[in-house]
Amino acid sequence: MARTTKQPRPPHPTARGWPGHGGGMVGYVDPAPEWRGTSVQVCGLWPFGAGAGTPMVGVPLGRDLDSGATVCCDPVSWFMRTGLLANPSMFVLGRPGLGKSTVVRRMALGLSGYGVHPLIFGDLKPDYVDLIRAIGGQVISLGRGRGNLNVLDPGESLQAAGRLTGDARGRLLAEIHGRRLHMVSALVTILRTAPPTDREETILSTALNVLADRHGSGSGGSGRVPVLGDLVRVIKDAPEAVRSVALDRGDMNRYRDITEDLEASLTALLGEGRLGGTFAQPTTEAMKLDRPVCFDVSGIDDSEVLLQAAALLSCWSYGFGAVAAAHALADAGLEPQRNYFLVMDELWRVLQAGRGLVDRVNALTRLDRQRGVGLAMITHSIDDLLALPTEEDRTKAKGFVERAGMVICGGLPPVEMPQLAQVVELTEAEKRLLVDWSTPPAWDATNGRRADPPGLGNFLIKVGSRPGIPLHVDLTAAELEVNNTNKRWNK
C-alpha cells in the first residue's frame, strides 16, 4: 500500500490565505491602519497622507460617523472664514435628551476661545449657567423673587445714545423706542393670547414718546428709567398727544372707553396678574457687553407657561438691544468691535404662547450680516413651528428654518420627515439616519439601567443642498462635569 507524502505547511500564509486542509481564502481583508495628525506631524509621510473630507475650520465638534475624520463647525467661522454660509445663523432640531444643548454648548465654548462672546438669552433648565460661569461670564437670574428685568429699560442703549451724536444718536434712540413698543405689545399679546389692536399700538407708541420726554435726561426730565407703572400713568393722565391718536373726538368719556382694555392689560402686568411684577420693576442687574452672559430663568416653574414665554421674549429683546448699542459705539469708534454668538433656546415656548408672537420673534431675529452676530435657534421639531394657530404664522415660522445658514438635526420621528423635507433638502439615506437616531433606548440588563439612546450625541449638519455631514459629538472630562444636568441626583 502506497503511502502519501504530507506536504509541509509553508511558514507564512499566501496572499489568498493558508493553503491545504483547513485553509482557504480570506473572506474579509482588514483595512490598513489609519492615523490622524496635523500637517506638521505627518508631513514626512507624504504621499501617504490624505486630507479630511470635511472643513477643518471652526470649533472641533467630534468625529465624522462615515470617515472618522474630525468635524469642525460653527456658524460664525463658516460664515466669516470659509464663505460656506450666506448668513451666520443655524437652526437646531432634535428630540429631547439627545444633546441639542450639548452641541450648542460646545460651539459656545469654542467660540469664546476665538474671542466671540456667547450670549444665552434665557436658560430654562439651566443648561448653560455652569459653562458661562466657568469661562468667566455673567449670570443674571430672573423670576419671582429672584430678579427683575424692566421691559422699558434700554440697558446700555441709553448710555450709548448719550455718547453718540448726529444721525447715529437718532437711529439708536429710534431703535430704543421701537424695542420698548415691541416688548410692551408682546407682553400684552402673551397676556391676552392675541395681539393688541392697531389703535392700541398707536396709543402705546405715542404714550411711550410722552414717557421718554418726561423721563429723559434733558431739561424737565427726571433722568430715571421708567417702568410699566409710569406708562399706565401716562395713559391715565390723557395728555393731548395720546388723546389725539386715540380719536376721542374731544370726549373724555369716549377716551376712557377706548383705553380701558389696554389700561386693564397693562395693569395686569404690574404685579397682580399671571405674569407677576418681574417685568414691571427696575432691572436688578444690568447686562455687561465685554464678556459672555447668561440669563438664568430656570427659577420659573414649567407650569407657568406664559411667564416662561414672557421671560424668554424679554431677555431676547433686552439682549438684542444691548448688542445693537455695542455695535453703534463700535461704529463710532468709542468702543472696540466685539462679535457675539446669540443662543435662543426653547423657541417653541414663545411661538405657541399667543397669536402674532411669530412677528415679534421675526423682528428680533432679522439681523444684518454686517453686525458681526452669530445666531442659534433651538427647538424640538418642525411640528413646533407647524402647530401654530394660523397659516400665516406657520409660514413665517418655517421661514426661520429656511433663512438659517445651516440646519443641525438630531434624532427625529418618522412623522417629521415629510414636513422637514419641505424646508431642508434630505436624501432618503439621511432621513433613515435621523429616524434611526430617534429610536428609544433599550434596557441594559448587565448594569440594570436604561442604556443610552442610540442617537445620543449624533447630529446631521445640513448646509443648503450639500450632502449632510453626520457626526458624533465627543466631550472632554471637563465638559462632562460642567455639562452635568443631573447634579441633584448625584451624591
Protein backbone atom coordinates (compact mmCIF):
# COMPACT_ATOMS: atom_id res chain seq x y z
CA MET A 1 0.00 0.00 0.00
CA ALA A 2 1.48 3.26 -1.17
CA ARG A 3 1.98 5.99 1.41
CA THR A 4 1.20 9.62 0.54
CA THR A 5 3.74 12.17 1.48
CA LYS A 6 2.27 15.11 3.50
CA GLN A 7 3.24 18.42 2.04
CA PRO A 8 4.97 20.69 4.55
CA ARG A 9 2.99 23.76 5.53
CA PRO A 10 4.61 26.99 4.36
CA PRO A 11 5.92 29.20 7.12
CA HIS A 12 3.67 32.11 6.03
CA PRO A 13 0.18 32.39 4.54
CA THR A 14 -0.11 33.28 0.90
CA ALA A 15 -1.97 36.32 -0.39
CA ARG A 16 -5.08 34.12 -0.54
CA GLY A 17 -4.76 32.59 2.93
CA TRP A 18 -3.37 29.28 4.25
CA PRO A 19 -3.31 26.54 1.61
CA GLY A 20 -4.22 22.90 2.22
CA HIS A 21 -6.59 21.15 4.59
CA GLY A 22 -8.42 23.57 6.89
CA GLY A 23 -7.14 26.54 4.97
CA GLY A 24 -8.82 28.66 2.41
CA MET A 25 -9.34 32.11 1.04
CA VAL A 26 -9.80 35.00 3.46
CA GLY A 27 -13.30 36.38 3.07
CA TYR A 28 -12.56 39.73 4.69
CA VAL A 29 -9.44 41.80 4.32
CA ASP A 30 -8.71 44.01 7.31
CA PRO A 31 -8.38 47.67 6.36
CA ALA A 32 -4.99 49.29 6.65
CA PRO A 33 -4.48 51.10 9.94
CA GLU A 34 -5.11 54.84 9.85
CA TRP A 35 -3.72 57.66 11.98
CA ARG A 36 -4.72 61.30 12.09
CA GLY A 37 -2.44 64.20 12.80
CA THR A 38 -1.58 67.75 11.87
CA SER A 39 0.24 68.59 8.66
CA VAL A 40 3.33 69.36 10.74
CA GLN A 41 3.29 65.92 12.35
CA VAL A 42 2.57 63.80 9.28
CA CYS A 43 4.33 65.81 6.56
CA GLY A 44 7.18 63.28 6.47
CA LEU A 45 4.74 60.51 5.47
CA TRP A 46 3.76 62.15 2.19
CA PRO A 47 2.43 60.93 -0.23
CA PHE A 48 0.62 58.52 2.08
CA GLY A 49 -1.35 61.18 3.95
CA ALA A 50 -4.93 62.07 2.96
CA GLY A 51 -6.81 65.24 3.86
CA ALA A 52 -10.14 65.23 5.64
CA GLY A 53 -13.32 65.42 3.58
CA THR A 54 -14.94 67.94 5.93
CA PRO A 55 -13.97 71.57 6.63
CA MET A 56 -11.30 71.92 9.30
CA VAL A 57 -12.32 75.49 10.13
CA GLY A 58 -14.27 76.34 13.26
CA VAL A 59 -14.95 74.72 16.62
CA PRO A 60 -14.00 71.00 16.76
CA LEU A 61 -17.28 69.19 17.42
CA GLY A 62 -16.45 65.50 17.09
CA ARG A 63 -15.81 62.82 14.50
CA ASP A 64 -17.46 62.10 11.17
CA LEU A 65 -19.53 58.90 11.51
CA ASP A 66 -18.56 57.80 7.99
CA SER A 67 -14.85 58.60 7.77
CA GLY A 68 -13.85 59.09 11.40
CA ALA A 69 -12.32 62.46 10.48
CA THR A 70 -12.56 65.42 12.83
CA VAL A 71 -15.51 67.72 12.09
CA CYS A 72 -15.10 71.44 12.84
CA CYS A 73 -18.22 73.55 12.60
CA ASP A 74 -19.87 76.71 13.91
CA PRO A 75 -21.96 79.34 12.06
CA VAL A 76 -19.60 82.24 12.78
CA SER A 77 -16.44 80.56 11.44
CA TRP A 78 -18.18 79.00 8.45
CA PHE A 79 -19.57 82.42 7.51
CA MET A 80 -16.51 84.58 8.18
CA ARG A 81 -13.62 82.27 7.32
CA THR A 82 -14.92 79.84 4.69
CA GLY A 83 -17.86 81.54 2.99
CA LEU A 84 -19.88 78.31 3.23
CA LEU A 85 -22.88 80.11 4.76
CA ALA A 86 -24.93 83.01 3.39
CA ASN A 87 -25.52 84.26 6.93
CA PRO A 88 -24.04 83.29 10.33
CA SER A 89 -27.06 81.52 11.77
CA MET A 90 -28.20 77.98 12.48
CA PHE A 91 -31.40 76.17 13.44
CA VAL A 92 -31.12 73.10 15.70
CA LEU A 93 -33.82 70.39 15.73
CA GLY A 94 -33.96 67.16 17.69
CA ARG A 95 -35.90 65.12 20.20
CA PRO A 96 -35.41 65.95 23.89
CA GLY A 97 -32.49 64.22 25.61
CA LEU A 98 -30.33 63.66 22.52
CA GLY A 99 -27.89 66.51 23.11
CA LYS A 100 -29.14 69.64 21.28
CA SER A 101 -27.94 71.92 24.06
CA THR A 102 -24.67 69.97 24.28
CA VAL A 103 -23.66 70.69 20.69
CA VAL A 104 -24.54 74.37 21.13
CA ARG A 105 -22.56 74.50 24.39
CA ARG A 106 -19.54 73.06 22.58
CA MET A 107 -19.83 75.78 19.94
CA ALA A 108 -20.23 78.47 22.59
CA LEU A 109 -17.15 77.21 24.44
CA GLY A 110 -15.02 77.07 21.30
CA LEU A 111 -16.16 80.47 20.03
CA SER A 112 -15.34 82.06 23.38
CA GLY A 113 -11.77 80.88 22.80
CA TYR A 114 -11.85 82.65 19.42
CA GLY A 115 -12.93 85.90 21.11
CA VAL A 116 -16.64 85.64 20.23
CA HIS A 117 -18.79 86.22 23.33
CA PRO A 118 -21.64 83.69 23.84
CA LEU A 119 -24.91 85.31 24.95
CA ILE A 120 -27.59 82.93 26.28
CA PHE A 121 -30.90 84.79 26.18
CA GLY A 122 -32.96 82.66 28.55
CA ASP A 123 -31.76 79.40 30.14
CA LEU A 124 -34.77 77.43 31.40
CA LYS A 125 -33.24 74.18 32.69
CA PRO A 126 -30.45 75.50 33.23
CA ASP A 127 -28.12 74.12 30.56
CA TYR A 128 -25.61 76.94 30.16
CA VAL A 129 -25.20 78.56 33.58
CA ASP A 130 -22.23 76.44 34.70
CA LEU A 131 -20.45 76.88 31.37
CA ILE A 132 -20.81 80.66 31.37
CA ARG A 133 -19.53 80.83 34.95
CA ALA A 134 -16.62 78.52 34.11
CA ILE A 135 -15.41 80.83 31.32
CA GLY A 136 -15.71 83.94 33.48
CA GLY A 137 -19.06 85.21 32.20
CA GLN A 138 -22.00 86.96 33.84
CA VAL A 139 -25.11 85.07 35.01
CA ILE A 140 -28.28 87.14 35.55
CA SER A 141 -31.08 85.38 37.47
CA LEU A 142 -34.71 86.29 36.72
CA GLY A 143 -38.04 85.11 38.12
CA ARG A 144 -40.38 85.58 41.02
CA GLY A 145 -38.29 86.71 43.99
CA ARG A 146 -35.02 86.17 42.10
CA GLY A 147 -34.60 89.20 39.86
CA ASN A 148 -36.42 91.64 37.61
CA LEU A 149 -36.00 92.82 34.04
CA ASN A 150 -37.71 96.11 33.26
CA VAL A 151 -39.05 95.84 29.70
CA LEU A 152 -38.78 99.64 29.33
CA ASP A 153 -35.11 99.58 30.33
CA PRO A 154 -32.95 100.01 27.19
CA GLY A 155 -29.88 98.91 29.15
CA GLU A 156 -26.64 100.02 27.56
CA SER A 157 -28.51 101.66 24.69
CA LEU A 158 -29.44 104.78 26.66
CA GLN A 159 -25.88 105.38 27.84
CA ALA A 160 -24.64 104.67 24.32
CA ALA A 161 -27.04 107.24 22.86
CA GLY A 162 -25.66 109.81 25.27
CA ARG A 163 -22.17 109.23 23.85
CA LEU A 164 -23.26 109.48 20.22
CA THR A 165 -24.14 112.49 18.08
CA GLY A 166 -25.98 113.24 14.86
CA ASP A 167 -27.66 110.55 12.83
CA ALA A 168 -26.09 107.72 14.85
CA ARG A 169 -27.74 109.04 18.02
CA GLY A 170 -31.07 109.47 16.25
CA ARG A 171 -31.02 105.93 14.89
CA LEU A 172 -30.25 104.45 18.30
CA LEU A 173 -33.00 106.47 20.03
CA ALA A 174 -35.46 105.33 17.36
CA GLU A 175 -34.39 101.73 17.98
CA ILE A 176 -34.89 102.18 21.73
CA HIS A 177 -38.43 103.40 21.10
CA GLY A 178 -39.14 100.51 18.71
CA ARG A 179 -37.93 97.88 21.19
CA ARG A 180 -39.99 99.37 24.01
CA LEU A 181 -43.10 99.33 21.86
CA HIS A 182 -42.30 95.82 20.65
CA MET A 183 -41.92 94.41 24.16
CA VAL A 184 -44.99 96.06 25.68
CA SER A 185 -47.08 94.83 22.75
CA ALA A 186 -45.57 91.35 23.10
CA LEU A 187 -46.42 91.16 26.81
CA VAL A 188 -49.98 92.26 26.08
CA THR A 189 -50.15 89.58 23.38
CA ILE A 190 -48.99 86.88 25.81
CA LEU A 191 -51.48 88.03 28.43
CA ARG A 192 -54.42 88.10 26.03
CA THR A 193 -53.18 85.32 23.67
CA ALA A 194 -53.99 87.84 20.92
CA PRO A 195 -52.14 90.95 19.74
CA PRO A 196 -53.26 94.49 20.60
CA THR A 197 -55.34 96.33 18.01
CA ASP A 198 -53.84 98.85 15.60
CA ARG A 199 -55.36 101.69 17.63
CA GLU A 200 -53.92 100.33 20.86
CA GLU A 201 -50.44 100.04 19.33
CA THR A 202 -50.67 103.65 18.14
CA ILE A 203 -51.71 104.75 21.63
CA LEU A 204 -48.82 102.80 23.14
CA SER A 205 -46.32 104.32 20.71
CA THR A 206 -47.44 107.87 21.45
CA ALA A 207 -47.58 107.24 25.21
CA LEU A 208 -44.01 105.90 25.11
CA ASN A 209 -42.86 109.10 23.36
CA VAL A 210 -44.54 111.17 26.09
CA LEU A 211 -42.89 108.93 28.69
CA ALA A 212 -39.47 109.45 27.09
CA ASP A 213 -39.93 113.23 27.30
CA ARG A 214 -40.94 113.03 30.95
CA HIS A 215 -38.03 110.81 31.99
CA GLY A 216 -35.36 111.98 29.55
CA SER A 217 -32.01 113.30 30.72
CA GLY A 218 -32.65 116.76 29.27
CA SER A 219 -34.24 119.77 30.96
CA GLY A 220 -37.53 118.88 32.58
CA GLY A 221 -36.77 115.15 32.57
CA SER A 222 -36.25 113.06 35.68
CA GLY A 223 -33.36 111.08 34.20
CA ARG A 224 -34.85 107.92 35.72
CA VAL A 225 -35.51 104.82 33.63
CA PRO A 226 -39.33 104.50 33.50
CA VAL A 227 -41.25 101.34 34.40
CA LEU A 228 -44.60 99.99 33.25
CA GLY A 229 -46.39 101.78 36.08
CA ASP A 230 -45.22 105.09 34.59
CA LEU A 231 -46.65 104.07 31.21
CA VAL A 232 -50.04 103.30 32.80
CA ARG A 233 -49.92 106.72 34.49
CA VAL A 234 -49.35 108.46 31.15
CA ILE A 235 -52.40 106.75 29.65
CA LYS A 236 -54.50 107.69 32.70
CA ASP A 237 -53.31 111.32 32.55
CA ALA A 238 -54.64 111.50 28.97
CA PRO A 239 -52.16 114.02 27.53
CA GLU A 240 -53.28 115.79 24.36
CA ALA A 241 -50.91 113.80 22.11
CA VAL A 242 -52.35 110.48 23.30
CA ARG A 243 -55.95 111.68 23.09
CA SER A 244 -55.34 112.84 19.54
CA VAL A 245 -54.26 109.40 18.26
CA ALA A 246 -56.98 107.70 20.33
CA LEU A 247 -59.55 109.64 18.25
CA ASP A 248 -61.69 110.51 21.25
CA ARG A 249 -63.27 113.48 19.38
CA GLY A 250 -62.76 115.72 22.40
CA ASP A 251 -64.87 113.48 24.64
CA MET A 252 -63.05 112.29 27.78
CA ASN A 253 -65.63 109.58 28.43
CA ARG A 254 -65.00 108.25 24.93
CA TYR A 255 -61.25 108.29 25.64
CA ARG A 256 -61.76 106.23 28.80
CA ASP A 257 -63.80 103.67 26.88
CA ILE A 258 -61.19 103.43 24.12
CA THR A 259 -58.25 102.92 26.50
CA GLU A 260 -60.00 100.79 29.14
CA ASP A 261 -58.97 97.37 27.76
CA LEU A 262 -55.39 98.49 27.16
CA GLU A 263 -55.16 100.01 30.63
CA ALA A 264 -56.53 96.80 32.15
CA SER A 265 -53.95 94.67 30.32
CA LEU A 266 -51.06 96.91 31.37
CA THR A 267 -52.29 96.99 34.97
CA ALA A 268 -52.28 93.18 34.98
CA LEU A 269 -48.54 93.34 34.26
CA LEU A 270 -47.78 95.38 37.36
CA GLY A 271 -47.66 92.51 39.83
CA GLU A 272 -51.12 91.11 40.46
CA GLY A 273 -51.64 89.27 37.17
CA ARG A 274 -50.38 85.96 35.79
CA LEU A 275 -47.06 87.45 34.74
CA GLY A 276 -46.36 88.97 38.16
CA GLY A 277 -44.15 92.01 38.53
CA THR A 278 -40.98 90.54 37.02
CA PHE A 279 -41.13 92.94 34.07
CA ALA A 280 -42.59 95.99 35.83
CA GLN A 281 -39.86 96.64 38.40
CA PRO A 282 -36.44 98.27 37.88
CA THR A 283 -33.85 95.93 36.38
CA THR A 284 -31.99 94.08 39.13
CA GLU A 285 -28.68 93.57 37.30
CA ALA A 286 -27.57 95.29 34.10
CA MET A 287 -26.08 93.21 31.30
CA LYS A 288 -22.36 93.64 30.52
CA LEU A 289 -21.17 93.55 26.95
CA ASP A 290 -17.48 92.72 27.38
CA ARG A 291 -17.95 89.08 28.46
CA PRO A 292 -20.23 86.03 27.98
CA VAL A 293 -23.69 86.45 29.52
CA CYS A 294 -26.45 84.02 30.51
CA PHE A 295 -29.97 84.97 31.62
CA ASP A 296 -30.94 82.24 34.09
CA VAL A 297 -34.74 81.84 34.12
CA SER A 298 -34.72 78.29 35.49
CA GLY A 299 -36.46 79.51 38.66
CA ILE A 300 -39.72 79.87 36.70
CA ASP A 301 -41.76 76.68 37.07
CA ASP A 302 -42.76 74.76 33.94
CA SER A 303 -46.41 75.16 34.93
CA GLU A 304 -46.12 78.93 34.39
CA VAL A 305 -46.07 78.66 30.62
CA LEU A 306 -46.98 82.29 29.93
CA LEU A 307 -44.42 83.61 32.38
CA GLN A 308 -41.71 81.47 30.77
CA ALA A 309 -42.61 82.76 27.32
CA ALA A 310 -42.64 86.36 28.57
CA ALA A 311 -39.26 85.90 30.26
CA LEU A 312 -37.66 84.44 27.13
CA LEU A 313 -39.04 87.16 24.86
CA SER A 314 -37.99 89.90 27.30
CA CYS A 315 -34.46 88.50 27.55
CA TRP A 316 -34.21 88.29 23.77
CA SER A 317 -35.38 91.87 23.28
CA TYR A 318 -33.14 93.25 26.03
CA GLY A 319 -30.14 91.30 24.77
CA PHE A 320 -30.58 92.24 21.11
CA GLY A 321 -30.91 95.88 22.16
CA ALA A 322 -27.67 95.71 24.12
CA VAL A 323 -25.85 94.19 21.14
CA ALA A 324 -27.19 96.94 18.87
CA ALA A 325 -25.86 99.55 21.31
CA ALA A 326 -22.43 97.88 21.39
CA HIS A 327 -22.19 97.96 17.61
CA ALA A 328 -23.32 101.58 17.45
CA LEU A 329 -20.50 102.55 19.82
CA ALA A 330 -18.02 100.44 17.85
CA ASP A 331 -19.07 102.08 14.57
CA ALA A 332 -18.48 105.49 16.16
CA GLY A 333 -15.01 104.41 17.32
CA LEU A 334 -15.95 104.72 21.00
CA GLU A 335 -15.66 101.01 21.84
CA PRO A 336 -13.76 98.05 20.34
CA GLN A 337 -15.61 95.89 17.82
CA ARG A 338 -16.97 92.76 19.51
CA ASN A 339 -18.59 89.71 17.96
CA TYR A 340 -21.33 87.72 19.68
CA PHE A 341 -22.89 84.27 19.45
CA LEU A 342 -26.56 84.55 20.46
CA VAL A 343 -28.44 81.46 21.64
CA MET A 344 -32.26 81.37 21.60
CA ASP A 345 -33.26 78.07 23.21
CA GLU A 346 -36.77 76.63 23.67
CA LEU A 347 -38.09 78.71 20.76
CA TRP A 348 -41.41 76.84 20.74
CA ARG A 349 -42.41 78.16 24.16
CA VAL A 350 -42.63 81.71 22.84
CA LEU A 351 -44.15 80.92 19.46
CA GLN A 352 -47.05 78.98 20.97
CA ALA A 353 -47.80 81.45 23.78
CA GLY A 354 -50.08 83.63 21.69
CA ARG A 355 -51.22 84.54 18.20
CA GLY A 356 -48.94 87.04 16.49
CA LEU A 357 -45.81 86.33 18.52
CA VAL A 358 -44.11 84.93 15.43
CA ASP A 359 -43.96 88.51 14.14
CA ARG A 360 -42.26 89.61 17.36
CA VAL A 361 -39.59 86.91 17.11
CA ASN A 362 -39.24 87.52 13.39
CA ALA A 363 -38.49 91.20 14.02
CA LEU A 364 -35.86 90.29 16.60
CA THR A 365 -34.04 87.70 14.52
CA ARG A 366 -33.63 89.67 11.28
CA LEU A 367 -30.05 90.72 11.96
CA ASP A 368 -27.77 92.17 9.32
CA ARG A 369 -24.84 90.00 8.36
CA GLN A 370 -22.59 93.02 8.83
CA ARG A 371 -23.41 93.22 12.56
CA GLY A 372 -20.91 90.53 13.49
CA VAL A 373 -23.51 88.39 15.26
CA GLY A 374 -23.98 84.63 15.04
CA LEU A 375 -27.41 83.24 15.94
CA ALA A 376 -28.56 79.79 17.11
CA MET A 377 -32.27 78.97 17.39
CA ILE A 378 -33.21 75.69 19.09
CA THR A 379 -36.47 73.74 19.25
CA HIS A 380 -37.61 70.13 19.39
CA SER A 381 -39.15 69.54 15.98
CA ILE A 382 -40.60 71.11 12.87
CA ASP A 383 -44.04 70.33 14.35
CA ASP A 384 -43.38 73.04 16.95
CA LEU A 385 -43.46 75.54 14.10
CA LEU A 386 -46.41 73.96 12.30
CA ALA A 387 -48.60 73.75 15.43
CA LEU A 388 -49.29 77.49 15.37
CA PRO A 389 -52.94 78.50 15.04
CA THR A 390 -52.86 80.42 11.72
CA GLU A 391 -51.40 79.60 8.32
CA GLU A 392 -49.71 83.00 8.23
CA ASP A 393 -47.85 82.29 11.49
CA ARG A 394 -46.88 78.79 10.32
CA THR A 395 -45.42 80.16 7.09
CA LYS A 396 -43.39 82.79 8.94
CA ALA A 397 -42.15 80.24 11.46
CA LYS A 398 -40.95 77.93 8.69
CA GLY A 399 -39.03 80.92 7.40
CA PHE A 400 -36.81 80.75 10.49
CA VAL A 401 -35.51 77.39 9.24
CA GLU A 402 -35.34 78.40 5.58
CA ARG A 403 -33.30 81.55 6.35
CA ALA A 404 -30.84 79.76 8.62
CA GLY A 405 -27.35 79.41 7.22
CA MET A 406 -27.18 75.81 8.44
CA VAL A 407 -29.59 73.30 9.97
CA ILE A 408 -28.36 70.77 12.53
CA CYS A 409 -30.70 67.81 13.07
CA GLY A 410 -30.63 65.22 15.83
CA GLY A 411 -32.91 62.20 16.06
CA LEU A 412 -36.43 62.90 14.75
CA PRO A 413 -39.51 60.65 14.46
CA PRO A 414 -40.70 59.36 11.05
CA VAL A 415 -43.76 61.65 11.00
CA GLU A 416 -41.39 64.64 10.95
CA MET A 417 -39.72 63.72 7.68
CA PRO A 418 -42.35 65.00 5.18
CA GLN A 419 -42.59 68.41 6.89
CA LEU A 420 -38.83 68.70 7.39
CA ALA A 421 -38.17 67.79 3.75
CA GLN A 422 -40.22 70.82 2.70
CA VAL A 423 -37.65 73.22 4.18
CA VAL A 424 -34.44 71.12 4.26
CA GLU A 425 -33.23 69.01 1.32
CA LEU A 426 -32.75 65.48 2.68
CA THR A 427 -31.83 62.28 0.84
CA GLU A 428 -33.58 59.03 1.71
CA ALA A 429 -30.42 57.81 3.46
CA GLU A 430 -30.31 60.97 5.60
CA LYS A 431 -33.97 60.57 6.52
CA ARG A 432 -33.37 56.97 7.63
CA LEU A 433 -30.38 58.09 9.67
CA LEU A 434 -32.41 60.72 11.56
CA VAL A 435 -35.23 58.24 12.21
CA ASP A 436 -32.78 55.57 13.46
CA TRP A 437 -31.29 58.08 15.90
CA SER A 438 -34.74 58.71 17.39
CA THR A 439 -35.17 55.03 18.37
CA PRO A 440 -35.97 54.68 22.11
CA PRO A 441 -33.19 53.36 24.34
CA ALA A 442 -33.06 49.68 25.26
CA TRP A 443 -32.76 48.16 28.73
CA ASP A 444 -29.20 47.34 29.81
CA ALA A 445 -29.66 44.07 31.74
CA THR A 446 -25.99 43.90 32.69
CA ASN A 447 -25.93 47.21 34.53
CA GLY A 448 -29.61 47.15 35.50
CA ARG A 449 -30.45 50.51 33.93
CA ARG A 450 -31.64 52.06 30.73
CA ALA A 451 -28.99 52.20 28.02
CA ASP A 452 -28.09 55.43 26.29
CA PRO A 453 -30.34 56.34 23.34
CA PRO A 454 -28.79 55.23 20.03
CA GLY A 455 -28.88 58.81 18.74
CA LEU A 456 -27.29 60.43 21.80
CA GLY A 457 -24.73 62.96 20.61
CA ASN A 458 -25.31 62.23 16.91
CA PHE A 459 -26.18 65.07 14.53
CA LEU A 460 -26.50 65.78 10.84
CA ILE A 461 -25.17 69.13 9.57
CA LYS A 462 -27.04 70.41 6.51
CA VAL A 463 -26.00 73.46 4.50
CA GLY A 464 -28.31 74.14 1.57
CA SER A 465 -28.43 71.28 -0.90
CA ARG A 466 -24.99 69.93 0.04
CA PRO A 467 -24.79 66.36 1.37
CA GLY A 468 -25.19 66.26 5.13
CA ILE A 469 -22.27 65.64 7.47
CA PRO A 470 -23.15 63.02 10.14
CA LEU A 471 -21.08 63.33 13.28
CA HIS A 472 -20.85 62.27 16.90
CA VAL A 473 -20.05 64.97 19.46
CA ASP A 474 -17.24 63.90 21.79
CA LEU A 475 -16.94 65.65 25.16
CA THR A 476 -13.86 66.06 27.31
CA ALA A 477 -13.86 65.13 31.00
CA ALA A 478 -14.05 68.82 31.96
CA GLU A 479 -17.07 69.34 29.71
CA LEU A 480 -18.82 66.30 31.14
CA GLU A 481 -18.51 67.83 34.61
CA VAL A 482 -19.70 71.27 33.52
CA ASN A 483 -22.50 69.82 31.36
CA ASN A 484 -23.84 67.53 34.08
CA THR A 485 -27.58 68.27 34.20
CA ASN A 486 -28.30 65.58 36.81
CA LYS A 487 -26.30 67.08 39.67
CA ARG A 488 -29.25 66.93 42.05
CA TRP A 489 -29.25 63.14 41.67
CA ASN A 490 -25.52 62.74 42.31
CA LYS A 491 -24.27 62.05 45.82
